[in-house]
Protein backbone atom coordinates (compact mmCIF):
# COMPACT_ATOMS: atom_id res chain seq x y z
CA MET A 1 6.80 19.74 0.00
CA LEU A 2 5.62 22.48 2.34
CA LEU A 3 2.08 21.95 3.65
CA ARG A 4 0.16 24.57 5.63
CA ALA A 5 -3.01 23.99 7.64
CA LYS A 6 -4.32 23.87 11.19
CA HIS A 7 -3.03 20.97 13.27
CA TYR A 8 -5.96 18.59 13.76
CA SER A 9 -5.25 18.24 17.48
CA THR A 10 -4.05 21.66 18.63
CA GLY A 11 -5.78 23.91 16.10
CA ASP A 12 -2.50 25.81 15.55
CA LEU A 13 -1.71 26.92 12.01
CA VAL A 14 1.42 24.94 11.14
CA ASP A 15 3.87 24.40 8.35
CA VAL A 16 4.69 20.75 7.74
CA VAL A 17 7.72 19.89 5.61
CA PHE A 18 7.07 16.49 4.07
CA ASP A 19 9.62 14.54 2.03
CA GLY A 20 8.50 11.29 0.41
CA ASP A 21 6.90 9.52 3.34
CA ARG A 22 8.62 11.30 6.23
CA ILE A 23 7.81 14.49 8.11
CA MET A 24 10.95 16.60 8.27
CA SER A 25 9.53 19.30 10.53
CA VAL A 26 6.34 20.69 12.07
CA ALA A 27 6.42 24.35 13.13
CA LEU A 28 4.12 27.32 13.46
CA ALA A 29 3.28 28.75 10.05
CA GLY A 30 5.78 31.18 8.56
CA SER A 31 5.79 33.50 5.57
CA THR A 32 7.08 31.07 2.91
CA THR A 33 4.53 30.29 0.21
CA PRO A 34 3.34 26.68 0.78
CA ASP A 35 3.10 24.03 -1.93
CA ALA A 36 -0.36 23.07 -0.66
CA GLU A 37 -2.68 24.37 2.01
CA ALA A 38 -6.10 23.64 3.45
CA GLY A 39 -8.12 24.20 6.58
CA TRP A 40 -6.69 21.25 8.50
CA ILE A 41 -3.94 18.63 8.39
CA SER A 42 -3.86 15.23 10.11
CA PRO A 43 -2.71 11.64 9.71
CA ALA A 44 -4.55 9.94 6.86
CA LEU A 45 -7.28 7.40 7.59
CA PHE A 46 -6.96 3.62 7.90
CA ASP A 47 -10.07 1.45 7.55
CA LEU A 48 -10.07 -2.22 8.54
CA GLN A 49 -13.25 -3.09 6.63
CA ILE A 50 -13.59 -2.05 2.98
CA ASN A 51 -15.57 -4.45 0.78
CA GLY A 52 -15.20 -2.51 -2.49
CA CYS A 53 -16.94 0.40 -4.22
CA HIS A 54 -18.38 1.57 -7.56
CA GLY A 55 -19.82 -1.88 -8.25
CA ILE A 56 -16.50 -3.62 -7.56
CA SER A 57 -16.68 -6.33 -4.92
CA PHE A 58 -13.59 -8.00 -3.53
CA ASN A 59 -15.83 -11.09 -3.35
CA ALA A 60 -16.59 -11.13 -7.07
CA PRO A 61 -15.51 -14.31 -8.89
CA THR A 62 -14.21 -12.05 -11.68
CA LEU A 63 -12.19 -9.68 -9.45
CA THR A 64 -9.10 -8.32 -11.21
CA VAL A 65 -5.91 -6.59 -10.10
CA ALA A 66 -7.03 -3.44 -11.93
CA GLU A 67 -10.28 -3.40 -9.94
CA VAL A 68 -8.38 -3.70 -6.66
CA ARG A 69 -6.29 -0.68 -7.69
CA HIS A 70 -9.48 1.27 -8.52
CA VAL A 71 -10.87 0.73 -5.02
CA VAL A 72 -7.55 1.71 -3.44
CA ASP A 73 -7.37 4.88 -5.56
CA HIS A 74 -10.95 5.90 -4.84
CA SER A 75 -10.58 5.21 -1.11
CA ARG A 76 -7.59 7.57 -1.09
CA LYS A 77 -9.80 10.37 -2.44
CA HIS A 78 -11.76 10.01 0.81
CA GLY A 79 -8.63 10.22 2.96
CA ILE A 80 -8.30 6.44 3.34
CA ALA A 81 -4.62 5.85 2.64
CA GLY A 82 -4.61 2.41 4.25
CA LEU A 83 -7.19 -0.37 4.32
CA LEU A 84 -7.89 -4.04 4.86
CA PRO A 85 -9.78 -5.33 1.78
CA THR A 86 -12.58 -7.46 3.17
CA LEU A 87 -14.06 -10.70 1.86
CA VAL A 88 -17.38 -11.88 3.26
CA THR A 89 -19.25 -15.18 3.47
CA ASN A 90 -19.05 -17.05 0.17
CA SER A 91 -18.05 -20.34 -1.41
CA PHE A 92 -14.56 -21.76 -0.90
CA GLU A 93 -13.57 -21.05 -4.50
CA ALA A 94 -14.91 -17.48 -4.51
CA ILE A 95 -13.01 -16.61 -1.35
CA ARG A 96 -9.84 -18.27 -2.60
CA HIS A 97 -10.06 -16.33 -5.86
CA GLY A 98 -10.57 -13.07 -3.97
CA PHE A 99 -7.56 -13.56 -1.73
CA SER A 100 -5.40 -14.77 -4.61
CA THR A 101 -6.27 -11.69 -6.67
CA LEU A 102 -5.66 -9.36 -3.73
CA ALA A 103 -2.27 -10.98 -3.15
CA GLN A 104 -1.43 -10.55 -6.85
CA ALA A 105 -2.39 -6.88 -6.65
CA VAL A 106 -0.10 -6.34 -3.66
CA LYS A 107 2.76 -8.10 -5.48
CA GLN A 108 2.30 -6.38 -8.84
CA ASP A 109 1.22 -2.86 -7.89
CA SER A 110 3.38 -0.80 -5.53
CA THR A 111 0.52 1.64 -4.86
CA VAL A 112 -1.69 -1.20 -3.64
CA ALA A 113 1.19 -2.65 -1.62
CA LYS A 114 1.71 0.65 0.21
CA ALA A 115 -1.98 0.96 1.07
CA VAL A 116 -2.78 -2.66 1.96
CA PRO A 117 -0.90 -4.33 4.85
CA GLY A 118 -3.35 -7.21 5.10
CA PHE A 119 -6.80 -8.61 4.41
CA HIS A 120 -9.97 -9.13 6.46
CA LEU A 121 -12.06 -12.33 6.32
CA GLU A 122 -15.56 -11.55 7.61
CA GLY A 123 -17.28 -14.93 7.70
CA PRO A 124 -18.12 -17.51 6.51
CA TYR A 125 -17.85 -18.76 10.09
CA ILE A 126 -20.83 -16.78 11.35
CA SER A 127 -24.30 -17.37 12.77
CA SER A 128 -26.87 -18.73 10.33
CA GLU A 129 -29.70 -17.01 12.24
CA ASP A 130 -31.62 -14.17 10.63
CA GLY A 131 -30.53 -10.83 12.01
CA ALA A 132 -27.20 -12.04 13.34
CA ARG A 133 -26.26 -13.16 9.83
CA GLY A 134 -27.09 -9.73 8.39
CA ALA A 135 -26.86 -9.69 4.59
CA HIS A 136 -24.44 -12.63 4.44
CA PRO A 137 -25.78 -15.53 2.33
CA LEU A 138 -27.23 -18.37 4.41
CA ALA A 139 -26.10 -21.00 1.90
CA HIS A 140 -22.43 -20.35 2.69
CA SER A 141 -22.55 -19.78 6.46
CA ARG A 142 -20.64 -22.62 8.12
CA ASN A 143 -18.55 -23.79 11.07
CA PRO A 144 -14.89 -22.82 11.45
CA ASP A 145 -12.50 -25.04 9.51
CA LEU A 146 -8.79 -24.51 10.07
CA ASP A 147 -7.76 -26.50 6.99
CA GLU A 148 -10.04 -24.37 4.83
CA PHE A 149 -8.66 -21.20 6.39
CA ASN A 150 -5.08 -22.36 5.79
CA HIS A 151 -5.86 -22.83 2.09
CA TRP A 152 -7.15 -19.25 1.96
CA GLN A 153 -4.14 -17.97 3.89
CA GLU A 154 -1.87 -19.68 1.39
CA ALA A 155 -3.77 -18.05 -1.50
CA ALA A 156 -3.49 -14.71 0.33
CA ASN A 157 0.30 -15.14 0.66
CA GLY A 158 -0.12 -15.02 4.44
CA MET A 159 -1.82 -11.61 4.41
CA ILE A 160 -5.10 -12.44 6.19
CA ARG A 161 -4.63 -10.27 9.29
CA LEU A 162 -8.20 -10.20 10.65
CA VAL A 163 -10.96 -12.82 10.90
CA THR A 164 -14.50 -12.06 12.07
CA LEU A 165 -16.46 -15.06 13.34
CA ALA A 166 -19.25 -16.19 15.68
CA PRO A 167 -17.63 -17.84 18.71
CA GLU A 168 -20.64 -20.03 19.58
CA LEU A 169 -20.08 -22.25 16.52
CA PRO A 170 -18.64 -25.75 17.01
CA GLY A 171 -14.86 -25.62 17.01
CA ALA A 172 -14.74 -21.82 17.20
CA LEU A 173 -12.78 -21.52 20.44
CA LYS A 174 -10.03 -23.87 19.26
CA PHE A 175 -9.97 -22.04 15.92
CA ILE A 176 -9.51 -18.71 17.75
CA GLU A 177 -6.61 -20.11 19.78
CA GLU A 178 -4.88 -21.53 16.71
CA VAL A 179 -5.14 -18.53 14.39
CA THR A 180 -4.29 -15.95 17.05
CA ALA A 181 -1.16 -17.99 17.80
CA LEU A 182 -0.24 -17.31 14.15
CA GLY A 183 -0.61 -13.56 14.64
CA VAL A 184 -4.08 -13.16 13.16
CA VAL A 185 -6.46 -10.80 14.98
CA VAL A 186 -9.82 -12.46 15.71
CA ALA A 187 -12.99 -10.39 16.00
CA ILE A 188 -16.42 -11.33 17.30
CA GLY A 189 -19.23 -10.51 14.91
CA HIS A 190 -22.45 -11.75 13.30
CA THR A 191 -22.96 -13.82 16.44
CA SER A 192 -25.74 -15.21 18.61
CA ALA A 193 -23.36 -16.18 21.40
CA THR A 194 -24.27 -16.15 25.07
CA PRO A 195 -22.39 -13.71 27.29
CA ALA A 196 -20.51 -16.68 28.76
CA ARG A 197 -19.32 -17.73 25.30
CA ILE A 198 -18.22 -14.15 24.56
CA ARG A 199 -16.04 -14.30 27.67
CA GLU A 200 -14.62 -17.66 26.58
CA ALA A 201 -13.82 -16.24 23.14
CA VAL A 202 -11.87 -13.40 24.72
CA GLN A 203 -9.98 -15.86 26.89
CA ALA A 204 -9.17 -17.83 23.73
CA GLY A 205 -7.70 -14.71 22.12
CA ALA A 206 -10.45 -12.65 20.49
CA SER A 207 -9.60 -8.96 20.80
CA LEU A 208 -12.12 -7.00 18.69
CA SER A 209 -15.85 -6.63 18.13
CA THR A 210 -16.72 -6.16 14.47
CA HIS A 211 -19.25 -3.35 13.81
CA LEU A 212 -20.70 -3.60 17.31
CA GLY A 213 -24.46 -3.09 17.34
CA ASN A 214 -24.92 -4.35 13.78
CA GLY A 215 -25.09 -7.87 12.41
CA SER A 216 -27.33 -8.66 15.37
CA HIS A 217 -30.86 -9.80 16.16
CA ALA A 218 -33.67 -7.27 16.08
CA ILE A 219 -34.87 -8.47 19.52
CA LEU A 220 -32.55 -9.41 22.40
CA PRO A 221 -32.85 -10.02 26.15
CA ARG A 222 -32.72 -6.57 27.65
CA HIS A 223 -29.88 -7.31 30.08
CA ASP A 224 -28.13 -10.61 29.40
CA ASN A 225 -27.01 -10.33 25.75
CA TYR A 226 -23.90 -10.30 23.58
CA ILE A 227 -23.93 -6.55 22.89
CA TRP A 228 -23.75 -5.53 26.56
CA GLU A 229 -21.15 -8.23 27.20
CA GLN A 230 -18.86 -7.00 24.43
CA LEU A 231 -19.41 -3.38 25.38
CA ALA A 232 -18.39 -4.08 28.98
CA ASN A 233 -15.34 -6.23 28.22
CA ASP A 234 -12.18 -4.18 28.65
CA ASP A 235 -10.13 -6.68 26.64
CA LEU A 236 -12.11 -6.05 23.47
CA TRP A 237 -11.63 -3.18 21.07
CA ALA A 238 -14.85 -2.25 19.24
CA SER A 239 -15.28 -1.16 15.65
CA PHE A 240 -18.54 0.55 14.76
CA ILE A 241 -20.12 2.24 11.73
CA PRO A 242 -21.10 5.88 12.37
CA ASP A 243 -22.42 6.53 8.87
CA GLY A 244 -25.74 7.97 10.05
CA HIS A 245 -27.63 4.81 9.02
CA HIS A 246 -26.24 1.81 10.87
CA LEU A 247 -26.58 3.18 14.41
CA PRO A 248 -28.68 5.88 16.11
CA ALA A 249 -26.77 8.72 17.72
CA ALA A 250 -27.54 7.48 21.25
CA VAL A 251 -26.00 4.09 20.45
CA VAL A 252 -22.88 5.66 18.94
CA LYS A 253 -22.46 7.80 22.04
CA SER A 254 -23.02 4.79 24.33
CA ILE A 255 -20.47 2.64 22.50
CA ILE A 256 -17.80 5.33 22.75
CA ARG A 257 -18.58 5.99 26.42
CA GLY A 258 -18.59 2.25 27.19
CA LYS A 259 -15.42 1.33 25.30
CA THR A 260 -13.87 4.79 25.80
CA VAL A 261 -12.32 6.62 22.86
CA SER A 262 -9.07 4.71 23.43
CA ARG A 263 -10.61 1.32 22.52
CA SER A 264 -12.97 2.55 19.76
CA ILE A 265 -12.37 2.12 16.03
CA ILE A 266 -14.33 3.75 13.23
CA THR A 267 -15.04 1.79 10.06
CA CYS A 268 -17.23 2.78 7.14
CA ASP A 269 -17.76 -0.86 6.04
CA ALA A 270 -18.00 0.45 2.46
CA SER A 271 -19.80 -2.09 0.29
CA SER A 272 -19.33 -2.73 -3.40
CA LEU A 273 -22.22 -0.30 -3.89
CA ALA A 274 -20.48 2.60 -2.13
CA GLY A 275 -20.24 5.64 -4.34
CA LEU A 276 -23.05 4.54 -6.68
CA PRO A 277 -26.19 6.64 -7.30
CA PRO A 278 -29.51 5.61 -5.72
CA GLY A 279 -31.09 2.56 -7.34
CA ARG A 280 -31.35 -1.22 -7.20
CA TYR A 281 -28.35 -3.41 -7.91
CA ARG A 282 -27.54 -7.13 -7.88
CA GLU A 283 -24.62 -8.45 -5.83
CA TRP A 284 -23.79 -11.97 -4.57
CA GLY A 285 -26.89 -13.26 -6.37
CA ASN A 286 -29.16 -10.92 -4.38
CA GLU A 287 -30.81 -7.56 -4.97
CA PHE A 288 -29.81 -4.51 -2.93
CA GLU A 289 -31.00 -0.94 -2.90
CA VAL A 290 -28.89 2.18 -2.55
CA GLN A 291 -31.02 4.94 -1.09
CA ALA A 292 -30.42 8.67 -1.01
CA GLY A 293 -27.69 9.56 1.46
CA GLY A 294 -25.82 6.28 0.96
CA ARG A 295 -28.03 3.88 2.94
CA VAL A 296 -27.74 0.35 1.45
CA ILE A 297 -30.51 -2.15 2.28
CA VAL A 298 -31.86 -5.56 1.37
CA PRO A 299 -35.19 -4.53 -0.24
CA GLY A 300 -38.24 -5.48 1.80
CA THR A 301 -36.23 -6.08 4.98
CA PRO A 302 -34.77 -3.94 7.78
CA PHE A 303 -31.30 -5.34 7.06
CA LEU A 304 -28.43 -3.12 5.94
CA ALA A 305 -25.83 -4.43 3.49
CA GLY A 306 -22.65 -2.55 4.23
CA SER A 307 -22.36 1.17 3.76
CA GLY A 308 -22.66 3.47 0.78
CA VAL A 309 -20.32 6.12 2.19
CA PHE A 310 -16.68 6.29 3.20
CA THR A 311 -14.69 6.94 6.36
CA ASP A 312 -14.47 10.71 5.86
CA THR A 313 -18.26 10.92 6.12
CA CYS A 314 -18.11 8.82 9.29
CA ILE A 315 -15.69 11.35 10.82
CA GLY A 316 -18.22 14.15 10.47
CA THR A 317 -21.10 11.97 11.61
CA VAL A 318 -19.42 10.65 14.76
CA ILE A 319 -18.55 14.18 15.85
CA ARG A 320 -22.17 15.29 15.42
CA GLN A 321 -23.62 12.17 17.05
CA SER A 322 -21.32 11.74 20.05
CA GLY A 323 -19.64 15.06 20.69
CA VAL A 324 -16.08 13.74 20.37
CA THR A 325 -13.44 16.17 19.15
CA LEU A 326 -12.02 16.25 15.63
CA ALA A 327 -8.77 14.81 16.96
CA GLU A 328 -10.54 11.96 18.76
CA ALA A 329 -12.59 11.09 15.67
CA ILE A 330 -9.53 11.00 13.42
CA ASP A 331 -7.53 8.95 15.91
CA MET A 332 -10.37 6.40 16.03
CA ALA A 333 -10.14 6.15 12.24
CA SER A 334 -6.36 6.15 11.91
CA ALA A 335 -4.14 5.51 14.93
CA HIS A 336 -6.38 3.04 16.75
CA PRO A 337 -6.81 0.41 14.01
CA ARG A 338 -3.12 0.63 13.17
CA HIS A 339 -2.26 0.13 16.85
CA LEU A 340 -4.50 -2.95 16.97
CA PHE A 341 -2.53 -4.58 14.15
CA GLY A 342 0.86 -3.48 15.42
CA LEU A 343 1.42 -1.16 12.45
CA PRO A 344 3.53 2.01 12.74
CA LEU A 345 1.36 4.97 13.63
CA TRP A 346 1.00 7.88 11.22
CA GLU A 347 1.75 10.75 13.57
CA LEU A 348 1.83 14.46 12.84
CA LYS A 349 5.25 15.16 14.33
CA SER A 350 8.81 15.68 13.16
CA GLY A 351 10.58 12.46 12.21
CA SER A 352 7.40 10.44 11.75
CA SER A 353 6.86 8.28 8.69
CA GLY A 354 3.45 7.75 7.20
CA LYS A 355 0.65 9.42 5.29
CA LEU A 356 -1.08 12.75 5.85
CA MET A 357 -4.28 14.34 4.62
CA LEU A 358 -5.21 17.96 4.09
CA PHE A 359 -8.89 18.77 4.37
CA ASP A 360 -11.43 21.49 4.98
CA TRP A 361 -13.85 21.11 7.87
CA ASN A 362 -16.23 23.22 9.89
CA PRO A 363 -18.14 22.00 12.98
CA GLY A 364 -21.37 20.30 11.94
CA GLU A 365 -20.02 19.34 8.52
CA ASP A 366 -18.21 16.35 7.01
CA PRO A 367 -14.53 16.76 6.13
CA SER A 368 -13.76 17.64 2.53
CA ILE A 369 -10.51 15.91 1.57
CA LYS A 370 -8.18 18.08 -0.52
CA LEU A 371 -4.95 16.09 -0.67
CA VAL A 372 -3.36 12.91 0.66
CA VAL A 373 0.43 12.69 0.71
CA GLY A 374 2.71 9.77 1.37
């Protein structure tokens, strides 16, 4: 397949010969008629925090393999060729069912298997305090339990690759040490930890901040708090949600300047309500509202409940909000999360294996995905 578009990093119009999942060559565009063309070409996106879409929740007690495939297929339309399906705070049985179904989907469906290298457990080992807990249900917030986690890991066929927790909880530091020794990435999130405990969590093995700046208290000490501490820690990567709703532009810019582009990861945190029209919906026994533009809230509160948009929208938003380049934005949503998990990078160069996306984009706009290959 001959693909023609501008290289996302150099801006040169190039011809890319792609065969299956391998780039055979990248050269300046010639005169041969391409099989597909668009404004730009780049590695496809990889999102470490997708909760579902179109009313499908990976947490649902009725989740099916077909529904997992639907989310994977729809994510691909937004350039997301790789993802970590994410389960949030819930009962033991609900989480076990979710991981078991996800594992079945990976085993039974080769398309899902190619897109999903692992799963993300966000909670239930998080702060029970309002604000820090976000939209997670209070009834199921609890302390880390390695035996419980091992049961879920067994149901997941060993595919839980990321755990988000609050390190101030009893037993959290030992839990971090034990699961990181097994190769699981541990992230700090939905926490009320002191700066000292954040440092202890990093020493124990935590290496990521989950959606930094969200899942936090509305009021914090102005200097000595867990956001500044995570922002300043050079041993922590930071994921954040630049969807235009979760963070103001000044905060997005500050996170990227504090962590630097090289340690920043974009996630859309798409909820089960992503892609649905504005209205009120029930999920996890609670009511949520999708507003115009994709903002998802808990009605009557200032709390957001995941995002209603996808990673391609976040690419356009982060460029507008922070002034990063197109290449930097795409790398934060593709190469950086894959590097964190030790996955092969999808690089736009001869001999590279992976997935590519063709898209149209003009400064000030969101990318419009035309084709994903690989």
